[in-house]
């Protein structure tokens, strides 16, 4: 990643002040970050990163590509949101279950992580 949208490569979409996000109230398209992120994850799962584009995503949502930029500054920001949404699906071991073997917990987490990234 290079410097885009006035941020350095180490900045995150989660570190924004959030003043612009949320969209315009009453927009007929019904867009919001969550809906855009969910559609992004579906497209990435179905077609892969190489075929993913903002135009393809906009077509999937039946909006213009430029309307997506009201909710995210860059494609990289959207990919970060999609990755975070995907990682949120992982079930982490419960730290209160001290009677369970930590190796089994780690094995289960690693297996779930692999299935998430490379489904069979």
PDB file of N, CA and C in Angstrom:
ATOM      1  N   UNK A   1       0.832  -1.173   0.000  1.00  0.00           N
ATOM      2  CA  UNK A   1       0.000   0.000   0.000  1.00  0.00           C
ATOM      3  C   UNK A   1       0.875   1.234   0.000  1.00  0.00           C
ATOM      4  N   UNK A   2       0.437   2.213  -0.685  1.00  0.00           N
ATOM      5  CA  UNK A   2       1.146   3.475  -0.693  1.00  0.00           C
ATOM      6  C   UNK A   2       0.298   4.517   0.001  1.00  0.00           C
ATOM      7  N   UNK A   3       0.810   5.717   0.039  1.00  0.00           N
ATOM      8  CA  UNK A   3       0.053   6.784   0.687  1.00  0.00           C
ATOM      9  C   UNK A   3      -1.160   7.139  -0.167  1.00  0.00           C
ATOM     10  N   UNK A   4      -2.342   6.978   0.414  1.00  0.00           N
ATOM     11  CA  UNK A   4      -3.589   7.258  -0.284  1.00  0.00           C
ATOM     12  C   UNK A   4      -4.514   8.024   0.640  1.00  0.00           C
ATOM     13  N   UNK A   5      -5.326   8.845   0.045  1.00  0.00           N
ATOM     14  CA  UNK A   5      -6.385   9.553   0.770  1.00  0.00           C
ATOM     15  C   UNK A   5      -5.850  10.299   1.998  1.00  0.00           C
ATOM     16  N   UNK A   6      -4.612  10.805   1.906  1.00  0.00           N
ATOM     17  CA  UNK A   6      -4.061  11.597   2.984  1.00  0.00           C
ATOM     18  C   UNK A   6      -3.611  10.805   4.196  1.00  0.00           C
ATOM     19  N   UNK A   7      -3.515   9.481   4.072  1.00  0.00           N
ATOM     20  CA  UNK A   7      -3.089   8.635   5.190  1.00  0.00           C
ATOM     21  C   UNK A   7      -1.840   7.876   4.771  1.00  0.00           C
ATOM     22  N   UNK A   8      -1.041   7.516   5.749  1.00  0.00           N
ATOM     23  CA  UNK A   8       0.131   6.712   5.446  1.00  0.00           C
ATOM     24  C   UNK A   8      -0.276   5.251   5.336  1.00  0.00           C
ATOM     25  N   UNK A   9       0.640   4.420   4.856  1.00  0.00           N
ATOM     26  CA  UNK A   9       0.358   3.002   4.657  1.00  0.00           C
ATOM     27  C   UNK A   9       0.088   2.284   5.974  1.00  0.00           C
ATOM     28  N   UNK A  10       0.508   2.822   7.086  1.00  0.00           N
ATOM     29  CA  UNK A  10       0.304   2.168   8.376  1.00  0.00           C
ATOM     30  C   UNK A  10      -0.997   2.561   9.053  1.00  0.00           C
ATOM     31  N   UNK A  11      -1.697   3.533   8.527  1.00  0.00           N
ATOM     32  CA  UNK A  11      -2.961   3.933   9.124  1.00  0.00           C
ATOM     33  C   UNK A  11      -4.037   2.917   8.801  1.00  0.00           C
ATOM     34  N   UNK A  12      -5.083   2.917   9.578  1.00  0.00           N
ATOM     35  CA  UNK A  12      -6.170   1.965   9.433  1.00  0.00           C
ATOM     36  C   UNK A  12      -7.491   2.693   9.265  1.00  0.00           C
ATOM     37  N   UNK A  13      -8.395   2.061   8.574  1.00  0.00           N
ATOM     38  CA  UNK A  13      -9.736   2.608   8.430  1.00  0.00           C
ATOM     39  C   UNK A  13     -10.397   2.758   9.797  1.00  0.00           C
ATOM     40  N   UNK A  14      -9.982   1.948  10.768  1.00  0.00           N
ATOM     41  CA  UNK A  14     -10.559   2.000  12.109  1.00  0.00           C
ATOM     42  C   UNK A  14     -10.040   3.180  12.920  1.00  0.00           C
ATOM     43  N   UNK A  15      -8.993   3.847  12.445  1.00  0.00           N
ATOM     44  CA  UNK A  15      -8.423   4.956  13.195  1.00  0.00           C
ATOM     45  C   UNK A  15      -8.907   6.307  12.693  1.00  0.00           C
ATOM     46  N   UNK A  16      -9.881   6.306  11.784  1.00  0.00           N
ATOM     47  CA  UNK A  16     -10.443   7.559  11.290  1.00  0.00           C
ATOM     48  C   UNK A  16     -11.280   8.213  12.369  1.00  0.00           C
ATOM     49  N   UNK A  17     -11.540   9.512  12.188  1.00  0.00           N
ATOM     50  CA  UNK A  17     -12.378  10.196  13.163  1.00  0.00           C
ATOM     51  C   UNK A  17     -13.853   9.889  12.955  1.00  0.00           C
ATOM     52  N   UNK A  18     -14.205   9.354  11.796  1.00  0.00           N
ATOM     53  CA  UNK A  18     -15.575   8.911  11.554  1.00  0.00           C
ATOM     54  C   UNK A  18     -16.560  10.011  11.218  1.00  0.00           C
ATOM     55  N   UNK A  19     -16.093  11.225  10.958  1.00  0.00           N
ATOM     56  CA  UNK A  19     -17.026  12.315  10.712  1.00  0.00           C
ATOM     57  C   UNK A  19     -17.784  12.160   9.400  1.00  0.00           C
ATOM     58  N   UNK A  20     -17.173  11.567   8.392  1.00  0.00           N
ATOM     59  CA  UNK A  20     -17.813  11.476   7.096  1.00  0.00           C
ATOM     60  C   UNK A  20     -18.655  10.217   6.946  1.00  0.00           C
ATOM     61  N   UNK A  21     -18.378   9.201   7.691  1.00  0.00           N
ATOM     62  CA  UNK A  21     -19.023   7.915   7.503  1.00  0.00           C
ATOM     63  C   UNK A  21     -20.462   7.907   7.987  1.00  0.00           C
ATOM     64  N   UNK A  22     -21.204   6.960   7.424  1.00  0.00           N
ATOM     65  CA  UNK A  22     -22.590   6.823   7.818  1.00  0.00           C
ATOM     66  C   UNK A  22     -23.527   7.166   6.690  1.00  0.00           C
ATOM     67  N   UNK A  23     -23.029   7.844   5.699  1.00  0.00           N
ATOM     68  CA  UNK A  23     -23.817   8.114   4.511  1.00  0.00           C
ATOM     69  C   UNK A  23     -24.814   9.233   4.695  1.00  0.00           C
ATOM     70  N   UNK A  24     -25.540   9.467   3.639  1.00  0.00           N
ATOM     71  CA  UNK A  24     -26.561  10.498   3.647  1.00  0.00           C
ATOM     72  C   UNK A  24     -27.863   9.887   4.131  1.00  0.00           C
ATOM     73  N   UNK A  25     -28.522  10.571   4.992  1.00  0.00           N
ATOM     74  CA  UNK A  25     -29.778  10.059   5.526  1.00  0.00           C
ATOM     75  C   UNK A  25     -30.836   9.912   4.451  1.00  0.00           C
ATOM     76  N   UNK A  26     -31.580   8.829   4.488  1.00  0.00           N
ATOM     77  CA  UNK A  26     -32.670   8.632   3.562  1.00  0.00           C
ATOM     78  C   UNK A  26     -32.258   8.344   2.140  1.00  0.00           C
ATOM     79  N   UNK A  27     -31.050   7.896   1.930  1.00  0.00           N
ATOM     80  CA  UNK A  27     -30.593   7.599   0.579  1.00  0.00           C
ATOM     81  C   UNK A  27     -31.385   6.413   0.036  1.00  0.00           C
ATOM     82  N   UNK A  28     -31.940   6.532  -1.182  1.00  0.00           N
ATOM     83  CA  UNK A  28     -32.800   5.472  -1.699  1.00  0.00           C
ATOM     84  C   UNK A  28     -32.101   4.131  -1.870  1.00  0.00           C
ATOM     85  N   UNK A  29     -30.799   4.126  -2.046  1.00  0.00           N
ATOM     86  CA  UNK A  29     -30.090   2.871  -2.256  1.00  0.00           C
ATOM     87  C   UNK A  29     -30.022   2.032  -0.991  1.00  0.00           C
ATOM     88  N   UNK A  30     -30.197   2.666   0.166  1.00  0.00           N
ATOM     89  CA  UNK A  30     -30.135   1.945   1.430  1.00  0.00           C
ATOM     90  C   UNK A  30     -28.738   1.474   1.774  1.00  0.00           C
ATOM     91  N   UNK A  31     -27.736   2.121   1.227  1.00  0.00           N
ATOM     92  CA  UNK A  31     -26.359   1.717   1.490  1.00  0.00           C
ATOM     93  C   UNK A  31     -25.926   2.084   2.898  1.00  0.00           C
ATOM     94  N   UNK A  32     -25.075   1.257   3.456  1.00  0.00           N
ATOM     95  CA  UNK A  32     -24.335   1.575   4.664  1.00  0.00           C
ATOM     96  C   UNK A  32     -23.069   0.725   4.637  1.00  0.00           C
ATOM     97  N   UNK A  33     -22.149   1.015   5.530  1.00  0.00           N
ATOM     98  CA  UNK A  33     -20.871   0.294   5.538  1.00  0.00           C
ATOM     99  C   UNK A  33     -21.056  -1.200   5.723  1.00  0.00           C
ATOM    100  N   UNK A  34     -22.003  -1.579   6.570  1.00  0.00           N
ATOM    101  CA  UNK A  34     -22.219  -2.995   6.829  1.00  0.00           C
ATOM    102  C   UNK A  34     -22.693  -3.724   5.573  1.00  0.00           C
ATOM    103  N   UNK A  35     -23.637  -3.141   4.874  1.00  0.00           N
ATOM    104  CA  UNK A  35     -24.149  -3.771   3.644  1.00  0.00           C
ATOM    105  C   UNK A  35     -23.057  -3.858   2.579  1.00  0.00           C
ATOM    106  N   UNK A  36     -22.262  -2.804   2.458  1.00  0.00           N
ATOM    107  CA  UNK A  36     -21.164  -2.799   1.487  1.00  0.00           C
ATOM    108  C   UNK A  36     -20.124  -3.851   1.859  1.00  0.00           C
ATOM    109  N   UNK A  37     -19.802  -3.954   3.134  1.00  0.00           N
ATOM    110  CA  UNK A  37     -18.818  -4.929   3.598  1.00  0.00           C
ATOM    111  C   UNK A  37     -19.305  -6.349   3.363  1.00  0.00           C
ATOM    112  N   UNK A  38     -20.568  -6.629   3.679  1.00  0.00           N
ATOM    113  CA  UNK A  38     -21.125  -7.968   3.461  1.00  0.00           C
ATOM    114  C   UNK A  38     -21.077  -8.347   1.984  1.00  0.00           C
ATOM    115  N   UNK A  39     -21.439  -7.416   1.109  1.00  0.00           N
ATOM    116  CA  UNK A  39     -21.393  -7.688  -0.331  1.00  0.00           C
ATOM    117  C   UNK A  39     -19.951  -7.899  -0.791  1.00  0.00           C
ATOM    118  N   UNK A  40     -19.025  -7.165  -0.215  1.00  0.00           N
ATOM    119  CA  UNK A  40     -17.602  -7.319  -0.561  1.00  0.00           C
ATOM    120  C   UNK A  40     -17.107  -8.713  -0.197  1.00  0.00           C
ATOM    121  N   UNK A  41     -17.462  -9.176   0.997  1.00  0.00           N
ATOM    122  CA  UNK A  41     -17.044 -10.506   1.441  1.00  0.00           C
ATOM    123  C   UNK A  41     -17.628 -11.570   0.520  1.00  0.00           C
ATOM    124  N   UNK A  42     -18.895 -11.428   0.154  1.00  0.00           N
ATOM    125  CA  UNK A  42     -19.525 -12.396  -0.764  1.00  0.00           C
ATOM    126  C   UNK A  42     -18.794 -12.433  -2.102  1.00  0.00           C
ATOM    127  N   UNK A  43     -18.494 -11.248  -2.660  1.00  0.00           N
ATOM    128  CA  UNK A  43     -17.800 -11.189  -3.948  1.00  0.00           C
ATOM    129  C   UNK A  43     -16.388 -11.752  -3.852  1.00  0.00           C
ATOM    130  N   UNK A  44     -15.692 -11.416  -2.797  1.00  0.00           N
ATOM    131  CA  UNK A  44     -14.333 -11.931  -2.621  1.00  0.00           C
ATOM    132  C   UNK A  44     -14.334 -13.446  -2.482  1.00  0.00           C
ATOM    133  N   UNK A  45     -15.307 -13.985  -1.761  1.00  0.00           N
ATOM    134  CA  UNK A  45     -15.429 -15.443  -1.635  1.00  0.00           C
ATOM    135  C   UNK A  45     -15.728 -16.088  -2.979  1.00  0.00           C
ATOM    136  N   UNK A  46     -16.611 -15.474  -3.739  1.00  0.00           N
ATOM    137  CA  UNK A  46     -17.062 -16.069  -4.995  1.00  0.00           C
ATOM    138  C   UNK A  46     -16.050 -15.926  -6.132  1.00  0.00           C
ATOM    139  N   UNK A  47     -15.418 -14.755  -6.220  1.00  0.00           N
ATOM    140  CA  UNK A  47     -14.597 -14.465  -7.398  1.00  0.00           C
ATOM    141  C   UNK A  47     -13.122 -14.239  -7.109  1.00  0.00           C
ATOM    142  N   UNK A  48     -12.779 -14.003  -5.862  1.00  0.00           N
ATOM    143  CA  UNK A  48     -11.385 -13.785  -5.509  1.00  0.00           C
ATOM    144  C   UNK A  48     -10.961 -12.333  -5.625  1.00  0.00           C
ATOM    145  N   UNK A  49      -9.815 -12.047  -5.052  1.00  0.00           N
ATOM    146  CA  UNK A  49      -9.291 -10.684  -5.016  1.00  0.00           C
ATOM    147  C   UNK A  49      -8.940 -10.162  -6.399  1.00  0.00           C
ATOM    148  N   UNK A  50      -8.437 -11.023  -7.270  1.00  0.00           N
ATOM    149  CA  UNK A  50      -8.016 -10.582  -8.605  1.00  0.00           C
ATOM    150  C   UNK A  50      -9.173  -9.998  -9.417  1.00  0.00           C
ATOM    151  N   UNK A  51     -10.375 -10.502  -9.213  1.00  0.00           N
ATOM    152  CA  UNK A  51     -11.527 -10.022  -9.974  1.00  0.00           C
ATOM    153  C   UNK A  51     -12.351  -8.979  -9.222  1.00  0.00           C
ATOM    154  N   UNK A  52     -11.970  -8.690  -7.992  1.00  0.00           N
ATOM    155  CA  UNK A  52     -12.729  -7.742  -7.180  1.00  0.00           C
ATOM    156  C   UNK A  52     -12.433  -6.320  -7.628  1.00  0.00           C
ATOM    157  N   UNK A  53     -13.474  -5.546  -7.834  1.00  0.00           N
ATOM    158  CA  UNK A  53     -13.310  -4.125  -8.161  1.00  0.00           C
ATOM    159  C   UNK A  53     -14.473  -3.345  -7.578  1.00  0.00           C
ATOM    160  N   UNK A  54     -14.265  -2.065  -7.413  1.00  0.00           N
ATOM    161  CA  UNK A  54     -15.326  -1.216  -6.896  1.00  0.00           C
ATOM    162  C   UNK A  54     -16.493  -1.172  -7.880  1.00  0.00           C
ATOM    163  N   UNK A  55     -16.206  -1.207  -9.157  1.00  0.00           N
ATOM    164  CA  UNK A  55     -17.282  -1.212 -10.163  1.00  0.00           C
ATOM    165  C   UNK A  55     -18.099  -2.493 -10.078  1.00  0.00           C
ATOM    166  N   UNK A  56     -17.427  -3.622  -9.908  1.00  0.00           N
ATOM    167  CA  UNK A  56     -18.127  -4.905  -9.798  1.00  0.00           C
ATOM    168  C   UNK A  56     -18.987  -4.924  -8.531  1.00  0.00           C
ATOM    169  N   UNK A  57     -18.451  -4.404  -7.448  1.00  0.00           N
ATOM    170  CA  UNK A  57     -19.189  -4.324  -6.193  1.00  0.00           C
ATOM    171  C   UNK A  57     -20.411  -3.413  -6.346  1.00  0.00           C
ATOM    172  N   UNK A  58     -20.213  -2.270  -6.992  1.00  0.00           N
ATOM    173  CA  UNK A  58     -21.319  -1.336  -7.205  1.00  0.00           C
ATOM    174  C   UNK A  58     -22.425  -1.978  -8.035  1.00  0.00           C
ATOM    175  N   UNK A  59     -22.047  -2.739  -9.041  1.00  0.00           N
ATOM    176  CA  UNK A  59     -23.043  -3.431  -9.861  1.00  0.00           C
ATOM    177  C   UNK A  59     -23.815  -4.438  -9.018  1.00  0.00           C
ATOM    178  N   UNK A  60     -23.116  -5.126  -8.130  1.00  0.00           N
ATOM    179  CA  UNK A  60     -23.759  -6.094  -7.241  1.00  0.00           C
ATOM    180  C   UNK A  60     -24.787  -5.413  -6.334  1.00  0.00           C
ATOM    181  N   UNK A  61     -24.471  -4.198  -5.906  1.00  0.00           N
ATOM    182  CA  UNK A  61     -25.348  -3.446  -5.009  1.00  0.00           C
ATOM    183  C   UNK A  61     -26.343  -2.562  -5.754  1.00  0.00           C
ATOM    184  N   UNK A  62     -26.236  -2.546  -7.078  1.00  0.00           N
ATOM    185  CA  UNK A  62     -27.123  -1.752  -7.930  1.00  0.00           C
ATOM    186  C   UNK A  62     -27.004  -0.255  -7.644  1.00  0.00           C
ATOM    187  N   UNK A  63     -25.751   0.204  -7.503  1.00  0.00           N
ATOM    188  CA  UNK A  63     -25.462   1.625  -7.294  1.00  0.00           C
ATOM    189  C   UNK A  63     -24.285   1.996  -8.189  1.00  0.00           C
ATOM    190  N   UNK A  64     -23.922   3.259  -8.201  1.00  0.00           N
ATOM    191  CA  UNK A  64     -22.738   3.675  -8.950  1.00  0.00           C
ATOM    192  C   UNK A  64     -21.490   3.442  -8.102  1.00  0.00           C
ATOM    193  N   UNK A  65     -20.379   3.261  -8.774  1.00  0.00           N
ATOM    194  CA  UNK A  65     -19.124   3.032  -8.048  1.00  0.00           C
ATOM    195  C   UNK A  65     -18.770   4.227  -7.168  1.00  0.00           C
ATOM    196  N   UNK A  66     -19.046   5.414  -7.639  1.00  0.00           N
ATOM    197  CA  UNK A  66     -18.702   6.605  -6.860  1.00  0.00           C
ATOM    198  C   UNK A  66     -19.505   6.690  -5.561  1.00  0.00           C
ATOM    199  N   UNK A  67     -20.702   6.116  -5.537  1.00  0.00           N
ATOM    200  CA  UNK A  67     -21.496   6.184  -4.301  1.00  0.00           C
ATOM    201  C   UNK A  67     -20.851   5.363  -3.186  1.00  0.00           C
ATOM    202  N   UNK A  68     -20.051   4.370  -3.535  1.00  0.00           N
ATOM    203  CA  UNK A  68     -19.360   3.576  -2.518  1.00  0.00           C
ATOM    204  C   UNK A  68     -18.329   4.405  -1.760  1.00  0.00           C
ATOM    205  N   UNK A  69     -17.752   5.373  -2.455  1.00  0.00           N
ATOM    206  CA  UNK A  69     -16.708   6.193  -1.843  1.00  0.00           C
ATOM    207  C   UNK A  69     -17.265   7.187  -0.820  1.00  0.00           C
ATOM    208  N   UNK A  70     -18.565   7.236  -0.680  1.00  0.00           N
ATOM    209  CA  UNK A  70     -19.150   8.029   0.395  1.00  0.00           C
ATOM    210  C   UNK A  70     -18.937   7.316   1.734  1.00  0.00           C
ATOM    211  N   UNK A  71     -18.787   6.008   1.667  1.00  0.00           N
ATOM    212  CA  UNK A  71     -18.688   5.176   2.869  1.00  0.00           C
ATOM    213  C   UNK A  71     -17.269   4.704   3.165  1.00  0.00           C
ATOM    214  N   UNK A  72     -16.450   4.569   2.141  1.00  0.00           N
ATOM    215  CA  UNK A  72     -15.038   4.186   2.307  1.00  0.00           C
ATOM    216  C   UNK A  72     -14.193   5.083   1.422  1.00  0.00           C
ATOM    217  N   UNK A  73     -13.008   5.430   1.898  1.00  0.00           N
ATOM    218  CA  UNK A  73     -12.141   6.320   1.123  1.00  0.00           C
ATOM    219  C   UNK A  73     -11.440   5.596  -0.019  1.00  0.00           C
ATOM    220  N   UNK A  74     -11.030   4.361   0.215  1.00  0.00           N
ATOM    221  CA  UNK A  74     -10.264   3.627  -0.787  1.00  0.00           C
ATOM    222  C   UNK A  74     -10.699   2.171  -0.823  1.00  0.00           C
ATOM    223  N   UNK A  75     -10.294   1.511  -1.878  1.00  0.00           N
ATOM    224  CA  UNK A  75     -10.542   0.073  -1.992  1.00  0.00           C
ATOM    225  C   UNK A  75      -9.807  -0.673  -0.878  1.00  0.00           C
ATOM    226  N   UNK A  76      -8.617  -0.219  -0.540  1.00  0.00           N
ATOM    227  CA  UNK A  76      -7.855  -0.844   0.544  1.00  0.00           C
ATOM    228  C   UNK A  76      -8.606  -0.770   1.866  1.00  0.00           C
ATOM    229  N   UNK A  77      -9.276   0.352   2.126  1.00  0.00           N
ATOM    230  CA  UNK A  77     -10.080   0.462   3.342  1.00  0.00           C
ATOM    231  C   UNK A  77     -11.203  -0.571   3.333  1.00  0.00           C
ATOM    232  N   UNK A  78     -11.825  -0.741   2.193  1.00  0.00           N
ATOM    233  CA  UNK A  78     -12.912  -1.716   2.080  1.00  0.00           C
ATOM    234  C   UNK A  78     -12.389  -3.134   2.268  1.00  0.00           C
ATOM    235  N   UNK A  79     -11.228  -3.429   1.720  1.00  0.00           N
ATOM    236  CA  UNK A  79     -10.636  -4.755   1.914  1.00  0.00           C
ATOM    237  C   UNK A  79     -10.300  -4.990   3.385  1.00  0.00           C
ATOM    238  N   UNK A  80      -9.865  -3.953   4.080  1.00  0.00           N
ATOM    239  CA  UNK A  80      -9.588  -4.076   5.508  1.00  0.00           C
ATOM    240  C   UNK A  80     -10.878  -4.372   6.279  1.00  0.00           C
ATOM    241  N   UNK A  81     -11.958  -3.694   5.923  1.00  0.00           N
ATOM    242  CA  UNK A  81     -13.250  -3.947   6.564  1.00  0.00           C
ATOM    243  C   UNK A  81     -13.722  -5.376   6.291  1.00  0.00           C
ATOM    244  N   UNK A  82     -13.533  -5.838   5.050  1.00  0.00           N
ATOM    245  CA  UNK A  82     -13.941  -7.202   4.687  1.00  0.00           C
ATOM    246  C   UNK A  82     -13.116  -8.232   5.461  1.00  0.00           C
ATOM    247  N   UNK A  83     -11.825  -7.996   5.586  1.00  0.00           N
ATOM    248  CA  UNK A  83     -10.966  -8.909   6.340  1.00  0.00           C
ATOM    249  C   UNK A  83     -11.373  -8.942   7.809  1.00  0.00           C
ATOM    250  N   UNK A  84     -11.648  -7.778   8.379  1.00  0.00           N
ATOM    251  CA  UNK A  84     -12.080  -7.724   9.776  1.00  0.00           C
ATOM    252  C   UNK A  84     -13.403  -8.454   9.974  1.00  0.00           C
ATOM    253  N   UNK A  85     -14.337  -8.289   9.034  1.00  0.00           N
ATOM    254  CA  UNK A  85     -15.624  -8.980   9.132  1.00  0.00           C
ATOM    255  C   UNK A  85     -15.427 -10.488   9.053  1.00  0.00           C
ATOM    256  N   UNK A  86     -14.499 -10.920   8.212  1.00  0.00           N
ATOM    257  CA  UNK A  86     -14.223 -12.344   8.076  1.00  0.00           C
ATOM    258  C   UNK A  86     -13.588 -12.904   9.341  1.00  0.00           C
ATOM    259  N   UNK A  87     -12.618 -12.192   9.888  1.00  0.00           N
ATOM    260  CA  UNK A  87     -11.983 -12.644  11.128  1.00  0.00           C
ATOM    261  C   UNK A  87     -12.961 -12.658  12.293  1.00  0.00           C
ATOM    262  N   UNK A  88     -13.973 -11.812  12.260  1.00  0.00           N
ATOM    263  CA  UNK A  88     -14.963 -11.776  13.337  1.00  0.00           C
ATOM    264  C   UNK A  88     -15.766 -13.075  13.403  1.00  0.00           C
ATOM    265  N   UNK A  89     -15.744 -13.863  12.326  1.00  0.00           N
ATOM    266  CA  UNK A  89     -16.453 -15.139  12.310  1.00  0.00           C
ATOM    267  C   UNK A  89     -15.733 -16.217  13.120  1.00  0.00           C
ATOM    268  N   UNK A  90     -14.449 -16.021  13.399  1.00  0.00           N
ATOM    269  CA  UNK A  90     -13.706 -17.000  14.185  1.00  0.00           C
ATOM    270  C   UNK A  90     -14.202 -17.027  15.618  1.00  0.00           C
ATOM    271  N   UNK A  91     -14.390 -18.225  16.136  1.00  0.00           N
ATOM    272  CA  UNK A  91     -14.771 -18.372  17.531  1.00  0.00           C
ATOM    273  C   UNK A  91     -13.494 -18.600  18.347  1.00  0.00           C
ATOM    274  N   UNK A  92     -13.200 -17.679  19.221  1.00  0.00           N
ATOM    275  CA  UNK A  92     -11.997 -17.773  20.043  1.00  0.00           C
ATOM    276  C   UNK A  92     -12.254 -18.665  21.252  1.00  0.00           C
ATOM    277  N   UNK A  93     -11.207 -19.318  21.736  1.00  0.00           N
ATOM    278  CA  UNK A  93     -11.369 -20.146  22.944  1.00  0.00           C
ATOM    279  C   UNK A  93     -11.815 -19.293  24.121  1.00  0.00           C
ATOM    280  N   UNK A  94     -12.633 -19.868  24.963  1.00  0.00           N
ATOM    281  CA  UNK A  94     -13.120 -19.172  26.147  1.00  0.00           C
ATOM    282  C   UNK A  94     -12.035 -19.225  27.219  1.00  0.00           C
ATOM    283  N   UNK A  95     -11.517 -18.069  27.645  1.00  0.00           N
ATOM    284  CA  UNK A  95     -10.447 -18.072  28.655  1.00  0.00           C
ATOM    285  C   UNK A  95     -10.911 -18.575  30.020  1.00  0.00           C
ATOM    286  N   UNK A  96     -12.221 -18.626  30.232  1.00  0.00           N
ATOM    287  CA  UNK A  96     -12.746 -19.111  31.511  1.00  0.00           C
ATOM    288  C   UNK A  96     -12.736 -20.636  31.609  1.00  0.00           C
ATOM    289  N   UNK A  97     -12.542 -21.319  30.495  1.00  0.00           N
ATOM    290  CA  UNK A  97     -12.488 -22.783  30.495  1.00  0.00           C
ATOM    291  C   UNK A  97     -11.056 -23.246  30.733  1.00  0.00           C
ATOM    292  N   UNK A  98     -10.606 -23.073  31.949  1.00  0.00           N
ATOM    293  CA  UNK A  98      -9.229 -23.425  32.296  1.00  0.00           C
ATOM    294  C   UNK A  98      -9.030 -24.931  32.386  1.00  0.00           C
ATOM    295  N   UNK A  99     -10.117 -25.686  32.498  1.00  0.00           N
ATOM    296  CA  UNK A  99      -9.991 -27.139  32.591  1.00  0.00           C
ATOM    297  C   UNK A  99      -9.719 -27.777  31.226  1.00  0.00           C
ATOM    298  N   UNK A 100      -9.926 -27.033  30.128  1.00  0.00           N
ATOM    299  CA  UNK A 100      -9.655 -27.567  28.790  1.00  0.00           C
ATOM    300  C   UNK A 100      -8.167 -27.430  28.462  1.00  0.00           C
ATOM    301  N   UNK A 101      -7.657 -28.389  27.737  1.00  0.00           N
ATOM    302  CA  UNK A 101      -6.249 -28.385  27.342  1.00  0.00           C
ATOM    303  C   UNK A 101      -5.993 -27.238  26.363  1.00  0.00           C
ATOM    304  N   UNK A 102      -5.008 -26.410  26.668  1.00  0.00           N
ATOM    305  CA  UNK A 102      -4.718 -25.263  25.826  1.00  0.00           C
ATOM    306  C   UNK A 102      -4.280 -25.689  24.430  1.00  0.00           C
ATOM    307  N   UNK A 103      -3.641 -26.868  24.316  1.00  0.00           N
ATOM    308  CA  UNK A 103      -3.212 -27.359  23.010  1.00  0.00           C
ATOM    309  C   UNK A 103      -4.408 -27.692  22.124  1.00  0.00           C
ATOM    310  N   UNK A 104      -5.445 -28.281  22.725  1.00  0.00           N
ATOM    311  CA  UNK A 104      -6.661 -28.589  21.971  1.00  0.00           C
ATOM    312  C   UNK A 104      -7.382 -27.310  21.557  1.00  0.00           C
ATOM    313  N   UNK A 105      -7.380 -26.330  22.441  1.00  0.00           N
ATOM    314  CA  UNK A 105      -7.992 -25.049  22.103  1.00  0.00           C
ATOM    315  C   UNK A 105      -7.246 -24.387  20.935  1.00  0.00           C
ATOM    316  N   UNK A 106      -5.922 -24.418  20.999  1.00  0.00           N
ATOM    317  CA  UNK A 106      -5.108 -23.836  19.938  1.00  0.00           C
ATOM    318  C   UNK A 106      -5.273 -24.607  18.630  1.00  0.00           C
ATOM    319  N   UNK A 107      -5.343 -25.915  18.711  1.00  0.00           N
ATOM    320  CA  UNK A 107      -5.557 -26.747  17.524  1.00  0.00           C
ATOM    321  C   UNK A 107      -6.909 -26.424  16.872  1.00  0.00           C
ATOM    322  N   UNK A 108      -7.944 -26.278  17.695  1.00  0.00           N
ATOM    323  CA  UNK A 108      -9.281 -25.946  17.183  1.00  0.00           C
ATOM    324  C   UNK A 108      -9.286 -24.561  16.538  1.00  0.00           C
ATOM    325  N   UNK A 109      -8.591 -23.611  17.147  1.00  0.00           N
ATOM    326  CA  UNK A 109      -8.508 -22.265  16.586  1.00  0.00           C
ATOM    327  C   UNK A 109      -7.749 -22.281  15.257  1.00  0.00           C
ATOM    328  N   UNK A 110      -6.637 -22.999  15.204  1.00  0.00           N
ATOM    329  CA  UNK A 110      -5.856 -23.088  13.970  1.00  0.00           C
ATOM    330  C   UNK A 110      -6.652 -23.757  12.852  1.00  0.00           C
ATOM    331  N   UNK A 111      -7.408 -24.780  13.197  1.00  0.00           N
ATOM    332  CA  UNK A 111      -8.242 -25.463  12.210  1.00  0.00           C
ATOM    333  C   UNK A 111      -9.322 -24.529  11.678  1.00  0.00           C
ATOM    334  N   UNK A 112      -9.971 -23.796  12.573  1.00  0.00           N
ATOM    335  CA  UNK A 112     -11.007 -22.844  12.159  1.00  0.00           C
ATOM    336  C   UNK A 112     -10.408 -21.737  11.292  1.00  0.00           C
ATOM    337  N   UNK A 113      -9.221 -21.273  11.651  1.00  0.00           N
ATOM    338  CA  UNK A 113      -8.529 -20.234  10.888  1.00  0.00           C
ATOM    339  C   UNK A 113      -8.218 -20.727   9.473  1.00  0.00           C
ATOM    340  N   UNK A 114      -7.727 -21.943   9.365  1.00  0.00           N
ATOM    341  CA  UNK A 114      -7.423 -22.509   8.058  1.00  0.00           C
ATOM    342  C   UNK A 114      -8.682 -22.671   7.212  1.00  0.00           C
ATOM    343  N   UNK A 115      -9.753 -23.157   7.821  1.00  0.00           N
ATOM    344  CA  UNK A 115     -11.006 -23.323   7.092  1.00  0.00           C
ATOM    345  C   UNK A 115     -11.569 -21.990   6.635  1.00  0.00           C
ATOM    346  N   UNK A 116     -11.340 -20.964   7.419  1.00  0.00           N
ATOM    347  CA  UNK A 116     -11.803 -19.629   7.065  1.00  0.00           C
ATOM    348  C   UNK A 116     -11.063 -19.107   5.838  1.00  0.00           C
ATOM    349  N   UNK A 117      -9.754 -19.325   5.811  1.00  0.00           N
ATOM    350  CA  UNK A 117      -8.940 -18.792   4.725  1.00  0.00           C
ATOM    351  C   UNK A 117      -8.898 -19.678   3.482  1.00  0.00           C
ATOM    352  N   UNK A 118      -9.025 -20.979   3.674  1.00  0.00           N
ATOM    353  CA  UNK A 118      -8.940 -21.917   2.543  1.00  0.00           C
ATOM    354  C   UNK A 118     -10.025 -22.961   2.673  1.00  0.00           C
ATOM    355  N   UNK A 119     -11.284 -22.586   2.425  1.00  0.00           N
ATOM    356  CA  UNK A 119     -12.359 -23.569   2.570  1.00  0.00           C
ATOM    357  C   UNK A 119     -12.227 -24.687   1.539  1.00  0.00           C
ATOM    358  N   UNK A 120     -12.655 -25.862   1.927  1.00  0.00           N
ATOM    359  CA  UNK A 120     -12.566 -27.004   1.014  1.00  0.00           C
ATOM    360  C   UNK A 120     -13.834 -27.192   0.229  1.00  0.00           C
TER     361      UNK A 120
END
